[in-house]
Amino acid sequence: MAQPDPDCLFCKIVAGAIPSRKVYEDAELLAFHDIHPWAPVHVLIIPKVHIATLADVGPEHDALLGRMLGLAPQLMKQLGVHNGFRSLINTGPDGHQEVYHLHLHVMGGPRPWVRA
């Protein structure tokens, strides 16, 4: 299992060193509100284990990725999003990844959104 990266923003959030507005937490995953939302409801779902990018996952991560995707509709329903939502994983510099810890953006709510 990968060790936490002491310089990683999301590893610090997982450790509780940086506060977040959590919406879900279990032994493997943490979900919290994005601090720069693109939509009325914008949460990030992250694994607690440090995986830098989607390009770094292997077959051993299949169940974890499935849990991340499966959690998205549950959270949107819980947060009052009933007319659809967008799920996005940015990967690497050309994919506009800003924080190098795998994370799934889940965005919903009434349009128009600030960004597309």
PDB file of N, CA and C in Angstrom:
ATOM      1  N   MET A   1       0.844  -1.184   0.000  1.00  0.00           N
ATOM      2  CA  MET A   1       0.000   0.000   0.000  1.00  0.00           C
ATOM      3  C   MET A   1       0.886   1.242   0.000  1.00  0.00           C
ATOM      4  N   ALA A   2       0.507   2.231  -0.792  1.00  0.00           N
ATOM      5  CA  ALA A   2       1.295   3.457  -0.898  1.00  0.00           C
ATOM      6  C   ALA A   2       1.246   4.242   0.408  1.00  0.00           C
ATOM      7  N   GLN A   3       2.352   4.854   0.734  1.00  0.00           N
ATOM      8  CA  GLN A   3       2.446   5.690   1.927  1.00  0.00           C
ATOM      9  C   GLN A   3       1.907   7.082   1.612  1.00  0.00           C
ATOM     10  N   PRO A   4       1.385   7.783   2.614  1.00  0.00           N
ATOM     11  CA  PRO A   4       0.951   9.163   2.383  1.00  0.00           C
ATOM     12  C   PRO A   4       2.126  10.013   1.918  1.00  0.00           C
ATOM     13  N   ASP A   5       1.840  10.964   1.051  1.00  0.00           N
ATOM     14  CA  ASP A   5       2.855  11.908   0.591  1.00  0.00           C
ATOM     15  C   ASP A   5       2.790  13.124   1.511  1.00  0.00           C
ATOM     16  N   PRO A   6       3.863  13.406   2.246  1.00  0.00           N
ATOM     17  CA  PRO A   6       3.821  14.508   3.214  1.00  0.00           C
ATOM     18  C   PRO A   6       3.605  15.883   2.573  1.00  0.00           C
ATOM     19  N   ASP A   7       3.818  15.994   1.268  1.00  0.00           N
ATOM     20  CA  ASP A   7       3.606  17.271   0.582  1.00  0.00           C
ATOM     21  C   ASP A   7       2.263  17.354  -0.132  1.00  0.00           C
ATOM     22  N   CYS A   8       1.470  16.286  -0.070  1.00  0.00           N
ATOM     23  CA  CYS A   8       0.207  16.211  -0.805  1.00  0.00           C
ATOM     24  C   CYS A   8      -0.926  16.858  -0.007  1.00  0.00           C
ATOM     25  N   LEU A   9      -1.600  17.815  -0.628  1.00  0.00           N
ATOM     26  CA  LEU A   9      -2.729  18.506  -0.004  1.00  0.00           C
ATOM     27  C   LEU A   9      -3.807  17.521   0.445  1.00  0.00           C
ATOM     28  N   PHE A  10      -4.164  16.571  -0.418  1.00  0.00           N
ATOM     29  CA  PHE A  10      -5.239  15.653  -0.077  1.00  0.00           C
ATOM     30  C   PHE A  10      -4.815  14.647   0.986  1.00  0.00           C
ATOM     31  N   CYS A  11      -3.550  14.243   1.022  1.00  0.00           N
ATOM     32  CA  CYS A  11      -3.065  13.385   2.105  1.00  0.00           C
ATOM     33  C   CYS A  11      -3.179  14.128   3.440  1.00  0.00           C
ATOM     34  N   LYS A  12      -2.920  15.427   3.420  1.00  0.00           N
ATOM     35  CA  LYS A  12      -3.057  16.234   4.640  1.00  0.00           C
ATOM     36  C   LYS A  12      -4.512  16.333   5.070  1.00  0.00           C
ATOM     37  N   ILE A  13      -5.436  16.415   4.098  1.00  0.00           N
ATOM     38  CA  ILE A  13      -6.864  16.427   4.425  1.00  0.00           C
ATOM     39  C   ILE A  13      -7.272  15.084   5.018  1.00  0.00           C
ATOM     40  N   VAL A  14      -6.826  13.983   4.424  1.00  0.00           N
ATOM     41  CA  VAL A  14      -7.121  12.646   4.954  1.00  0.00           C
ATOM     42  C   VAL A  14      -6.624  12.520   6.390  1.00  0.00           C
ATOM     43  N   ALA A  15      -5.425  13.045   6.663  1.00  0.00           N
ATOM     44  CA  ALA A  15      -4.827  12.953   8.001  1.00  0.00           C
ATOM     45  C   ALA A  15      -5.485  13.895   9.010  1.00  0.00           C
ATOM     46  N   GLY A  16      -6.315  14.825   8.531  1.00  0.00           N
ATOM     47  CA  GLY A  16      -6.955  15.784   9.427  1.00  0.00           C
ATOM     48  C   GLY A  16      -6.120  17.009   9.713  1.00  0.00           C
ATOM     49  N   ALA A  17      -4.971  17.142   9.045  1.00  0.00           N
ATOM     50  CA  ALA A  17      -4.103  18.301   9.253  1.00  0.00           C
ATOM     51  C   ALA A  17      -4.670  19.550   8.586  1.00  0.00           C
ATOM     52  N   ILE A  18      -5.491  19.373   7.567  1.00  0.00           N
ATOM     53  CA  ILE A  18      -6.169  20.474   6.884  1.00  0.00           C
ATOM     54  C   ILE A  18      -7.658  20.160   6.943  1.00  0.00           C
ATOM     55  N   PRO A  19      -8.471  21.114   7.403  1.00  0.00           N
ATOM     56  CA  PRO A  19      -9.908  20.842   7.508  1.00  0.00           C
ATOM     57  C   PRO A  19     -10.582  20.776   6.143  1.00  0.00           C
ATOM     58  N   SER A  20     -11.703  20.056   6.100  1.00  0.00           N
ATOM     59  CA  SER A  20     -12.523  19.979   4.897  1.00  0.00           C
ATOM     60  C   SER A  20     -13.976  19.868   5.327  1.00  0.00           C
ATOM     61  N   ARG A  21     -14.864  20.153   4.391  1.00  0.00           N
ATOM     62  CA  ARG A  21     -16.303  19.984   4.630  1.00  0.00           C
ATOM     63  C   ARG A  21     -16.688  18.584   4.134  1.00  0.00           C
ATOM     64  N   LYS A  22     -16.503  17.610   5.003  1.00  0.00           N
ATOM     65  CA  LYS A  22     -16.726  16.212   4.642  1.00  0.00           C
ATOM     66  C   LYS A  22     -18.204  15.930   4.409  1.00  0.00           C
ATOM     67  N   VAL A  23     -18.457  15.091   3.392  1.00  0.00           N
ATOM     68  CA  VAL A  23     -19.812  14.600   3.157  1.00  0.00           C
ATOM     69  C   VAL A  23     -19.872  13.081   3.306  1.00  0.00           C
ATOM     70  N   TYR A  24     -18.713  12.423   3.312  1.00  0.00           N
ATOM     71  CA  TYR A  24     -18.670  10.969   3.446  1.00  0.00           C
ATOM     72  C   TYR A  24     -17.264  10.561   3.849  1.00  0.00           C
ATOM     73  N   GLU A  25     -17.189   9.514   4.682  1.00  0.00           N
ATOM     74  CA  GLU A  25     -15.889   8.941   5.023  1.00  0.00           C
ATOM     75  C   GLU A  25     -16.077   7.505   5.454  1.00  0.00           C
ATOM     76  N   ASP A  26     -15.192   6.637   4.976  1.00  0.00           N
ATOM     77  CA  ASP A  26     -15.109   5.272   5.465  1.00  0.00           C
ATOM     78  C   ASP A  26     -13.624   4.900   5.516  1.00  0.00           C
ATOM     79  N   ALA A  27     -13.322   3.636   5.643  1.00  0.00           N
ATOM     80  CA  ALA A  27     -11.929   3.209   5.792  1.00  0.00           C
ATOM     81  C   ALA A  27     -11.083   3.471   4.553  1.00  0.00           C
ATOM     82  N   GLU A  28     -11.708   3.505   3.361  1.00  0.00           N
ATOM     83  CA  GLU A  28     -10.958   3.651   2.111  1.00  0.00           C
ATOM     84  C   GLU A  28     -11.148   4.984   1.402  1.00  0.00           C
ATOM     85  N   LEU A  29     -12.294   5.631   1.608  1.00  0.00           N
ATOM     86  CA  LEU A  29     -12.640   6.823   0.825  1.00  0.00           C
ATOM     87  C   LEU A  29     -12.997   8.006   1.710  1.00  0.00           C
ATOM     88  N   LEU A  30     -12.776   9.188   1.153  1.00  0.00           N
ATOM     89  CA  LEU A  30     -13.196  10.437   1.778  1.00  0.00           C
ATOM     90  C   LEU A  30     -13.828  11.289   0.692  1.00  0.00           C
ATOM     91  N   ALA A  31     -14.949  11.907   0.991  1.00  0.00           N
ATOM     92  CA  ALA A  31     -15.592  12.832   0.057  1.00  0.00           C
ATOM     93  C   ALA A  31     -15.845  14.142   0.785  1.00  0.00           C
ATOM     94  N   PHE A  32     -15.562  15.236   0.082  1.00  0.00           N
ATOM     95  CA  PHE A  32     -15.713  16.554   0.692  1.00  0.00           C
ATOM     96  C   PHE A  32     -16.033  17.582  -0.381  1.00  0.00           C
ATOM     97  N   HIS A  33     -16.579  18.720   0.054  1.00  0.00           N
ATOM     98  CA  HIS A  33     -16.916  19.797  -0.864  1.00  0.00           C
ATOM     99  C   HIS A  33     -15.642  20.439  -1.421  1.00  0.00           C
ATOM    100  N   ASP A  34     -15.647  20.724  -2.718  1.00  0.00           N
ATOM    101  CA  ASP A  34     -14.530  21.412  -3.368  1.00  0.00           C
ATOM    102  C   ASP A  34     -14.508  22.861  -2.883  1.00  0.00           C
ATOM    103  N   ILE A  35     -13.317  23.397  -2.619  1.00  0.00           N
ATOM    104  CA  ILE A  35     -13.228  24.787  -2.141  1.00  0.00           C
ATOM    105  C   ILE A  35     -13.377  25.804  -3.265  1.00  0.00           C
ATOM    106  N   HIS A  36     -13.285  25.362  -4.517  1.00  0.00           N
ATOM    107  CA  HIS A  36     -13.504  26.225  -5.681  1.00  0.00           C
ATOM    108  C   HIS A  36     -14.545  25.556  -6.586  1.00  0.00           C
ATOM    109  N   PRO A  37     -15.813  25.525  -6.151  1.00  0.00           N
ATOM    110  CA  PRO A  37     -16.823  24.757  -6.892  1.00  0.00           C
ATOM    111  C   PRO A  37     -17.101  25.308  -8.285  1.00  0.00           C
ATOM    112  N   TRP A  38     -17.332  24.389  -9.211  1.00  0.00           N
ATOM    113  CA  TRP A  38     -17.724  24.723 -10.582  1.00  0.00           C
ATOM    114  C   TRP A  38     -19.231  24.663 -10.749  1.00  0.00           C
ATOM    115  N   ALA A  39     -19.917  24.090  -9.764  1.00  0.00           N
ATOM    116  CA  ALA A  39     -21.359  23.882  -9.836  1.00  0.00           C
ATOM    117  C   ALA A  39     -21.945  24.114  -8.443  1.00  0.00           C
ATOM    118  N   PRO A  40     -23.262  24.261  -8.349  1.00  0.00           N
ATOM    119  CA  PRO A  40     -23.874  24.465  -7.028  1.00  0.00           C
ATOM    120  C   PRO A  40     -23.518  23.366  -6.028  1.00  0.00           C
ATOM    121  N   VAL A  41     -23.408  22.125  -6.501  1.00  0.00           N
ATOM    122  CA  VAL A  41     -22.927  21.021  -5.665  1.00  0.00           C
ATOM    123  C   VAL A  41     -21.698  20.454  -6.363  1.00  0.00           C
ATOM    124  N   HIS A  42     -20.560  20.485  -5.676  1.00  0.00           N
ATOM    125  CA  HIS A  42     -19.300  20.011  -6.252  1.00  0.00           C
ATOM    126  C   HIS A  42     -18.504  19.350  -5.138  1.00  0.00           C
ATOM    127  N   VAL A  43     -18.446  18.028  -5.197  1.00  0.00           N
ATOM    128  CA  VAL A  43     -17.678  17.284  -4.197  1.00  0.00           C
ATOM    129  C   VAL A  43     -16.532  16.537  -4.876  1.00  0.00           C
ATOM    130  N   LEU A  44     -15.539  16.230  -4.094  1.00  0.00           N
ATOM    131  CA  LEU A  44     -14.408  15.411  -4.524  1.00  0.00           C
ATOM    132  C   LEU A  44     -14.470  14.102  -3.757  1.00  0.00           C
ATOM    133  N   ILE A  45     -14.284  13.012  -4.463  1.00  0.00           N
ATOM    134  CA  ILE A  45     -14.179  11.696  -3.839  1.00  0.00           C
ATOM    135  C   ILE A  45     -12.739  11.235  -4.035  1.00  0.00           C
ATOM    136  N   ILE A  46     -12.057  10.954  -2.933  1.00  0.00           N
ATOM    137  CA  ILE A  46     -10.651  10.569  -3.011  1.00  0.00           C
ATOM    138  C   ILE A  46     -10.413   9.259  -2.262  1.00  0.00           C
ATOM    139  N   PRO A  47      -9.447   8.472  -2.732  1.00  0.00           N
ATOM    140  CA  PRO A  47      -9.020   7.334  -1.916  1.00  0.00           C
ATOM    141  C   PRO A  47      -8.143   7.852  -0.780  1.00  0.00           C
ATOM    142  N   LYS A  48      -8.204   7.189   0.347  1.00  0.00           N
ATOM    143  CA  LYS A  48      -7.350   7.594   1.458  1.00  0.00           C
ATOM    144  C   LYS A  48      -5.897   7.227   1.199  1.00  0.00           C
ATOM    145  N   VAL A  49      -5.666   6.201   0.407  1.00  0.00           N
ATOM    146  CA  VAL A  49      -4.312   5.829   0.025  1.00  0.00           C
ATOM    147  C   VAL A  49      -3.829   6.810  -1.045  1.00  0.00           C
ATOM    148  N   HIS A  50      -2.561   7.170  -1.000  1.00  0.00           N
ATOM    149  CA  HIS A  50      -2.027   8.109  -1.992  1.00  0.00           C
ATOM    150  C   HIS A  50      -1.754   7.394  -3.314  1.00  0.00           C
ATOM    151  N   ILE A  51      -2.518   7.784  -4.326  1.00  0.00           N
ATOM    152  CA  ILE A  51      -2.295   7.381  -5.712  1.00  0.00           C
ATOM    153  C   ILE A  51      -2.246   8.701  -6.471  1.00  0.00           C
ATOM    154  N   ALA A  52      -1.141   8.988  -7.117  1.00  0.00           N
ATOM    155  CA  ALA A  52      -0.956  10.313  -7.712  1.00  0.00           C
ATOM    156  C   ALA A  52      -1.945  10.615  -8.836  1.00  0.00           C
ATOM    157  N   THR A  53      -2.124   9.696  -9.774  1.00  0.00           N
ATOM    158  CA  THR A  53      -2.991   9.964 -10.928  1.00  0.00           C
ATOM    159  C   THR A  53      -3.737   8.692 -11.328  1.00  0.00           C
ATOM    160  N   LEU A  54      -4.747   8.856 -12.147  1.00  0.00           N
ATOM    161  CA  LEU A  54      -5.460   7.703 -12.686  1.00  0.00           C
ATOM    162  C   LEU A  54      -4.520   6.833 -13.508  1.00  0.00           C
ATOM    163  N   ALA A  55      -3.497   7.423 -14.111  1.00  0.00           N
ATOM    164  CA  ALA A  55      -2.522   6.663 -14.898  1.00  0.00           C
ATOM    165  C   ALA A  55      -1.691   5.725 -14.025  1.00  0.00           C
ATOM    166  N   ASP A  56      -1.709   5.913 -12.713  1.00  0.00           N
ATOM    167  CA  ASP A  56      -0.930   5.095 -11.794  1.00  0.00           C
ATOM    168  C   ASP A  56      -1.704   3.913 -11.221  1.00  0.00           C
ATOM    169  N   VAL A  57      -2.969   3.755 -11.581  1.00  0.00           N
ATOM    170  CA  VAL A  57      -3.734   2.638 -11.031  1.00  0.00           C
ATOM    171  C   VAL A  57      -3.456   1.365 -11.808  1.00  0.00           C
ATOM    172  N   GLY A  58      -3.652   0.262 -11.138  1.00  0.00           N
ATOM    173  CA  GLY A  58      -3.505  -1.047 -11.754  1.00  0.00           C
ATOM    174  C   GLY A  58      -4.703  -1.906 -11.404  1.00  0.00           C
ATOM    175  N   PRO A  59      -4.677  -3.157 -11.811  1.00  0.00           N
ATOM    176  CA  PRO A  59      -5.798  -4.059 -11.526  1.00  0.00           C
ATOM    177  C   PRO A  59      -6.116  -4.166 -10.030  1.00  0.00           C
ATOM    178  N   GLU A  60      -5.120  -3.971  -9.201  1.00  0.00           N
ATOM    179  CA  GLU A  60      -5.341  -4.045  -7.752  1.00  0.00           C
ATOM    180  C   GLU A  60      -6.227  -2.915  -7.233  1.00  0.00           C
ATOM    181  N   HIS A  61      -6.454  -1.893  -8.056  1.00  0.00           N
ATOM    182  CA  HIS A  61      -7.283  -0.753  -7.658  1.00  0.00           C
ATOM    183  C   HIS A  61      -8.704  -0.816  -8.222  1.00  0.00           C
ATOM    184  N   ASP A  62      -9.031  -1.876  -8.953  1.00  0.00           N
ATOM    185  CA  ASP A  62     -10.347  -1.963  -9.597  1.00  0.00           C
ATOM    186  C   ASP A  62     -11.499  -1.770  -8.614  1.00  0.00           C
ATOM    187  N   ALA A  63     -11.459  -2.448  -7.491  1.00  0.00           N
ATOM    188  CA  ALA A  63     -12.551  -2.348  -6.513  1.00  0.00           C
ATOM    189  C   ALA A  63     -12.639  -0.938  -5.939  1.00  0.00           C
ATOM    190  N   LEU A  64     -11.497  -0.329  -5.681  1.00  0.00           N
ATOM    191  CA  LEU A  64     -11.475   1.035  -5.149  1.00  0.00           C
ATOM    192  C   LEU A  64     -12.094   2.016  -6.139  1.00  0.00           C
ATOM    193  N   LEU A  65     -11.722   1.905  -7.406  1.00  0.00           N
ATOM    194  CA  LEU A  65     -12.297   2.788  -8.433  1.00  0.00           C
ATOM    195  C   LEU A  65     -13.800   2.562  -8.563  1.00  0.00           C
ATOM    196  N   GLY A  66     -14.227   1.315  -8.494  1.00  0.00           N
ATOM    197  CA  GLY A  66     -15.646   1.012  -8.545  1.00  0.00           C
ATOM    198  C   GLY A  66     -16.404   1.616  -7.381  1.00  0.00           C
ATOM    199  N   ARG A  67     -15.817   1.581  -6.216  1.00  0.00           N
ATOM    200  CA  ARG A  67     -16.451   2.186  -5.032  1.00  0.00           C
ATOM    201  C   ARG A  67     -16.555   3.692  -5.186  1.00  0.00           C
ATOM    202  N   MET A  68     -15.506   4.322  -5.751  1.00  0.00           N
ATOM    203  CA  MET A  68     -15.544   5.770  -5.966  1.00  0.00           C
ATOM    204  C   MET A  68     -16.706   6.138  -6.887  1.00  0.00           C
ATOM    205  N   LEU A  69     -16.813   5.426  -8.015  1.00  0.00           N
ATOM    206  CA  LEU A  69     -17.889   5.713  -8.962  1.00  0.00           C
ATOM    207  C   LEU A  69     -19.255   5.376  -8.389  1.00  0.00           C
ATOM    208  N   GLY A  70     -19.348   4.297  -7.648  1.00  0.00           N
ATOM    209  CA  GLY A  70     -20.617   3.910  -7.053  1.00  0.00           C
ATOM    210  C   GLY A  70     -21.099   4.866  -5.980  1.00  0.00           C
ATOM    211  N   LEU A  71     -20.166   5.542  -5.318  1.00  0.00           N
ATOM    212  CA  LEU A  71     -20.520   6.503  -4.281  1.00  0.00           C
ATOM    213  C   LEU A  71     -21.098   7.790  -4.864  1.00  0.00           C
ATOM    214  N   ALA A  72     -20.687   8.145  -6.073  1.00  0.00           N
ATOM    215  CA  ALA A  72     -21.104   9.422  -6.680  1.00  0.00           C
ATOM    216  C   ALA A  72     -22.618   9.611  -6.705  1.00  0.00           C
ATOM    217  N   PRO A  73     -23.414   8.682  -7.251  1.00  0.00           N
ATOM    218  CA  PRO A  73     -24.853   8.929  -7.286  1.00  0.00           C
ATOM    219  C   PRO A  73     -25.492   8.969  -5.898  1.00  0.00           C
ATOM    220  N   GLN A  74     -24.948   8.198  -4.971  1.00  0.00           N
ATOM    221  CA  GLN A  74     -25.473   8.229  -3.601  1.00  0.00           C
ATOM    222  C   GLN A  74     -25.292   9.614  -2.989  1.00  0.00           C
ATOM    223  N   LEU A  75     -24.101  10.191  -3.163  1.00  0.00           N
ATOM    224  CA  LEU A  75     -23.831  11.512  -2.598  1.00  0.00           C
ATOM    225  C   LEU A  75     -24.673  12.589  -3.268  1.00  0.00           C
ATOM    226  N   MET A  76     -24.815  12.508  -4.582  1.00  0.00           N
ATOM    227  CA  MET A  76     -25.615  13.520  -5.271  1.00  0.00           C
ATOM    228  C   MET A  76     -27.065  13.483  -4.790  1.00  0.00           C
ATOM    229  N   LYS A  77     -27.607  12.297  -4.632  1.00  0.00           N
ATOM    230  CA  LYS A  77     -28.978  12.177  -4.119  1.00  0.00           C
ATOM    231  C   LYS A  77     -29.065  12.755  -2.706  1.00  0.00           C
ATOM    232  N   GLN A  78     -28.105  12.392  -1.869  1.00  0.00           N
ATOM    233  CA  GLN A  78     -28.063  12.883  -0.488  1.00  0.00           C
ATOM    234  C   GLN A  78     -27.973  14.407  -0.438  1.00  0.00           C
ATOM    235  N   LEU A  79     -27.264  14.993  -1.407  1.00  0.00           N
ATOM    236  CA  LEU A  79     -27.054  16.446  -1.439  1.00  0.00           C
ATOM    237  C   LEU A  79     -28.126  17.184  -2.244  1.00  0.00           C
ATOM    238  N   GLY A  80     -29.170  16.472  -2.658  1.00  0.00           N
ATOM    239  CA  GLY A  80     -30.306  17.120  -3.297  1.00  0.00           C
ATOM    240  C   GLY A  80     -30.208  17.295  -4.800  1.00  0.00           C
ATOM    241  N   VAL A  81     -29.281  16.617  -5.441  1.00  0.00           N
ATOM    242  CA  VAL A  81     -29.140  16.700  -6.897  1.00  0.00           C
ATOM    243  C   VAL A  81     -29.944  15.558  -7.513  1.00  0.00           C
ATOM    244  N   HIS A  82     -30.998  15.913  -8.251  1.00  0.00           N
ATOM    245  CA  HIS A  82     -31.896  14.893  -8.796  1.00  0.00           C
ATOM    246  C   HIS A  82     -32.051  14.969 -10.308  1.00  0.00           C
ATOM    247  N   ASN A  83     -31.410  15.949 -10.963  1.00  0.00           N
ATOM    248  CA  ASN A  83     -31.606  16.131 -12.399  1.00  0.00           C
ATOM    249  C   ASN A  83     -30.335  15.845 -13.191  1.00  0.00           C
ATOM    250  N   GLY A  84     -29.463  15.018 -12.649  1.00  0.00           N
ATOM    251  CA  GLY A  84     -28.224  14.672 -13.336  1.00  0.00           C
ATOM    252  C   GLY A  84     -27.015  15.346 -12.725  1.00  0.00           C
ATOM    253  N   PHE A  85     -25.863  14.791 -13.035  1.00  0.00           N
ATOM    254  CA  PHE A  85     -24.602  15.316 -12.522  1.00  0.00           C
ATOM    255  C   PHE A  85     -23.487  14.925 -13.467  1.00  0.00           C
ATOM    256  N   ARG A  86     -22.346  15.544 -13.269  1.00  0.00           N
ATOM    257  CA  ARG A  86     -21.166  15.290 -14.084  1.00  0.00           C
ATOM    258  C   ARG A  86     -20.086  14.693 -13.202  1.00  0.00           C
ATOM    259  N   SER A  87     -19.370  13.683 -13.714  1.00  0.00           N
ATOM    260  CA  SER A  87     -18.245  13.075 -13.008  1.00  0.00           C
ATOM    261  C   SER A  87     -17.007  13.263 -13.863  1.00  0.00           C
ATOM    262  N   LEU A  88     -15.894  13.629 -13.240  1.00  0.00           N
ATOM    263  CA  LEU A  88     -14.694  13.972 -13.996  1.00  0.00           C
ATOM    264  C   LEU A  88     -13.446  13.608 -13.204  1.00  0.00           C
ATOM    265  N   ILE A  89     -12.490  12.969 -13.881  1.00  0.00           N
ATOM    266  CA  ILE A  89     -11.160  12.731 -13.302  1.00  0.00           C
ATOM    267  C   ILE A  89     -10.149  13.349 -14.246  1.00  0.00           C
ATOM    268  N   ASN A  90      -9.454  14.373 -13.785  1.00  0.00           N
ATOM    269  CA  ASN A  90      -8.371  14.984 -14.555  1.00  0.00           C
ATOM    270  C   ASN A  90      -7.099  14.169 -14.290  1.00  0.00           C
ATOM    271  N   THR A  91      -6.334  13.908 -15.349  1.00  0.00           N
ATOM    272  CA  THR A  91      -5.148  13.070 -15.206  1.00  0.00           C
ATOM    273  C   THR A  91      -3.942  13.715 -15.869  1.00  0.00           C
ATOM    274  N   GLY A  92      -2.937  14.034 -15.062  1.00  0.00           N
ATOM    275  CA  GLY A  92      -1.682  14.577 -15.570  1.00  0.00           C
ATOM    276  C   GLY A  92      -1.785  16.023 -16.035  1.00  0.00           C
ATOM    277  N   PRO A  93      -0.649  16.586 -16.435  1.00  0.00           N
ATOM    278  CA  PRO A  93      -0.614  17.992 -16.807  1.00  0.00           C
ATOM    279  C   PRO A  93      -1.502  18.326 -18.007  1.00  0.00           C
ATOM    280  N   ASP A  94      -1.511  17.490 -19.026  1.00  0.00           N
ATOM    281  CA  ASP A  94      -2.351  17.762 -20.188  1.00  0.00           C
ATOM    282  C   ASP A  94      -3.828  17.526 -19.890  1.00  0.00           C
ATOM    283  N   GLY A  95      -4.120  16.802 -18.839  1.00  0.00           N
ATOM    284  CA  GLY A  95      -5.495  16.574 -18.408  1.00  0.00           C
ATOM    285  C   GLY A  95      -5.960  17.582 -17.371  1.00  0.00           C
ATOM    286  N   HIS A  96      -5.150  18.614 -17.136  1.00  0.00           N
ATOM    287  CA  HIS A  96      -5.474  19.714 -16.210  1.00  0.00           C
ATOM    288  C   HIS A  96      -5.562  19.274 -14.747  1.00  0.00           C
ATOM    289  N   GLN A  97      -4.807  18.234 -14.374  1.00  0.00           N
ATOM    290  CA  GLN A  97      -4.790  17.827 -12.970  1.00  0.00           C
ATOM    291  C   GLN A  97      -4.002  18.853 -12.179  1.00  0.00           C
ATOM    292  N   GLU A  98      -4.589  19.328 -11.089  1.00  0.00           N
ATOM    293  CA  GLU A  98      -3.927  20.336 -10.252  1.00  0.00           C
ATOM    294  C   GLU A  98      -3.353  19.749  -8.969  1.00  0.00           C
ATOM    295  N   VAL A  99      -4.063  18.813  -8.352  1.00  0.00           N
ATOM    296  CA  VAL A  99      -3.582  18.164  -7.135  1.00  0.00           C
ATOM    297  C   VAL A  99      -3.254  16.716  -7.512  1.00  0.00           C
ATOM    298  N   TYR A 100      -2.020  16.326  -7.295  1.00  0.00           N
ATOM    299  CA  TYR A 100      -1.562  15.001  -7.692  1.00  0.00           C
ATOM    300  C   TYR A 100      -1.845  13.960  -6.615  1.00  0.00           C
ATOM    301  N   HIS A 101      -3.135  13.747  -6.428  1.00  0.00           N
ATOM    302  CA  HIS A 101      -3.712  12.679  -5.616  1.00  0.00           C
ATOM    303  C   HIS A 101      -5.016  12.363  -6.336  1.00  0.00           C
ATOM    304  N   LEU A 102      -5.179  11.135  -6.773  1.00  0.00           N
ATOM    305  CA  LEU A 102      -6.360  10.747  -7.530  1.00  0.00           C
ATOM    306  C   LEU A 102      -7.624  11.292  -6.880  1.00  0.00           C
ATOM    307  N   HIS A 103      -8.466  11.942  -7.672  1.00  0.00           N
ATOM    308  CA  HIS A 103      -9.733  12.444  -7.155  1.00  0.00           C
ATOM    309  C   HIS A 103     -10.777  12.516  -8.257  1.00  0.00           C
ATOM    310  N   LEU A 104     -11.999  12.221  -7.863  1.00  0.00           N
ATOM    311  CA  LEU A 104     -13.148  12.247  -8.753  1.00  0.00           C
ATOM    312  C   LEU A 104     -13.988  13.466  -8.401  1.00  0.00           C
ATOM    313  N   HIS A 105     -14.122  14.390  -9.359  1.00  0.00           N
ATOM    314  CA  HIS A 105     -15.031  15.522  -9.202  1.00  0.00           C
ATOM    315  C   HIS A 105     -16.439  15.035  -9.514  1.00  0.00           C
ATOM    316  N   VAL A 106     -17.402  15.384  -8.680  1.00  0.00           N
ATOM    317  CA  VAL A 106     -18.804  15.075  -8.946  1.00  0.00           C
ATOM    318  C   VAL A 106     -19.568  16.385  -8.777  1.00  0.00           C
ATOM    319  N   MET A 107     -20.184  16.849  -9.880  1.00  0.00           N
ATOM    320  CA  MET A 107     -20.792  18.180  -9.913  1.00  0.00           C
ATOM    321  C   MET A 107     -22.228  18.100 -10.382  1.00  0.00           C
ATOM    322  N   GLY A 108     -23.091  18.859  -9.735  1.00  0.00           N
ATOM    323  CA  GLY A 108     -24.489  18.882 -10.133  1.00  0.00           C
ATOM    324  C   GLY A 108     -25.187  20.109  -9.593  1.00  0.00           C
ATOM    325  N   GLY A 109     -26.473  20.134  -9.839  1.00  0.00           N
ATOM    326  CA  GLY A 109     -27.285  21.276  -9.408  1.00  0.00           C
ATOM    327  C   GLY A 109     -27.750  22.059 -10.623  1.00  0.00           C
ATOM    328  N   PRO A 110     -28.621  23.029 -10.394  1.00  0.00           N
ATOM    329  CA  PRO A 110     -29.191  23.781 -11.509  1.00  0.00           C
ATOM    330  C   PRO A 110     -28.147  24.521 -12.320  1.00  0.00           C
ATOM    331  N   ARG A 111     -28.348  24.559 -13.614  1.00  0.00           N
ATOM    332  CA  ARG A 111     -27.473  25.305 -14.529  1.00  0.00           C
ATOM    333  C   ARG A 111     -27.957  26.733 -14.619  1.00  0.00           C
ATOM    334  N   PRO A 112     -27.182  27.706 -15.056  1.00  0.00           N
ATOM    335  CA  PRO A 112     -25.834  27.531 -15.597  1.00  0.00           C
ATOM    336  C   PRO A 112     -24.797  27.417 -14.479  1.00  0.00           C
ATOM    337  N   TRP A 113     -23.759  26.622 -14.775  1.00  0.00           N
ATOM    338  CA  TRP A 113     -22.645  26.511 -13.842  1.00  0.00           C
ATOM    339  C   TRP A 113     -21.635  27.585 -14.157  1.00  0.00           C
ATOM    340  N   VAL A 114     -20.772  27.854 -13.183  1.00  0.00           N
ATOM    341  CA  VAL A 114     -19.734  28.858 -13.345  1.00  0.00           C
ATOM    342  C   VAL A 114     -18.780  28.473 -14.466  1.00  0.00           C
ATOM    343  N   ARG A 115     -18.356  27.216 -14.484  1.00  0.00           N
ATOM    344  CA  ARG A 115     -17.439  26.699 -15.500  1.00  0.00           C
ATOM    345  C   ARG A 115     -18.053  25.442 -16.100  1.00  0.00           C
ATOM    346  N   ALA A 116     -17.603  25.089 -17.288  1.00  0.00           N
ATOM    347  CA  ALA A 116     -18.154  23.871 -17.902  1.00  0.00           C
ATOM    348  C   ALA A 116     -17.184  22.748 -17.933  1.00  0.00           C
TER     349      ALA A 116
END
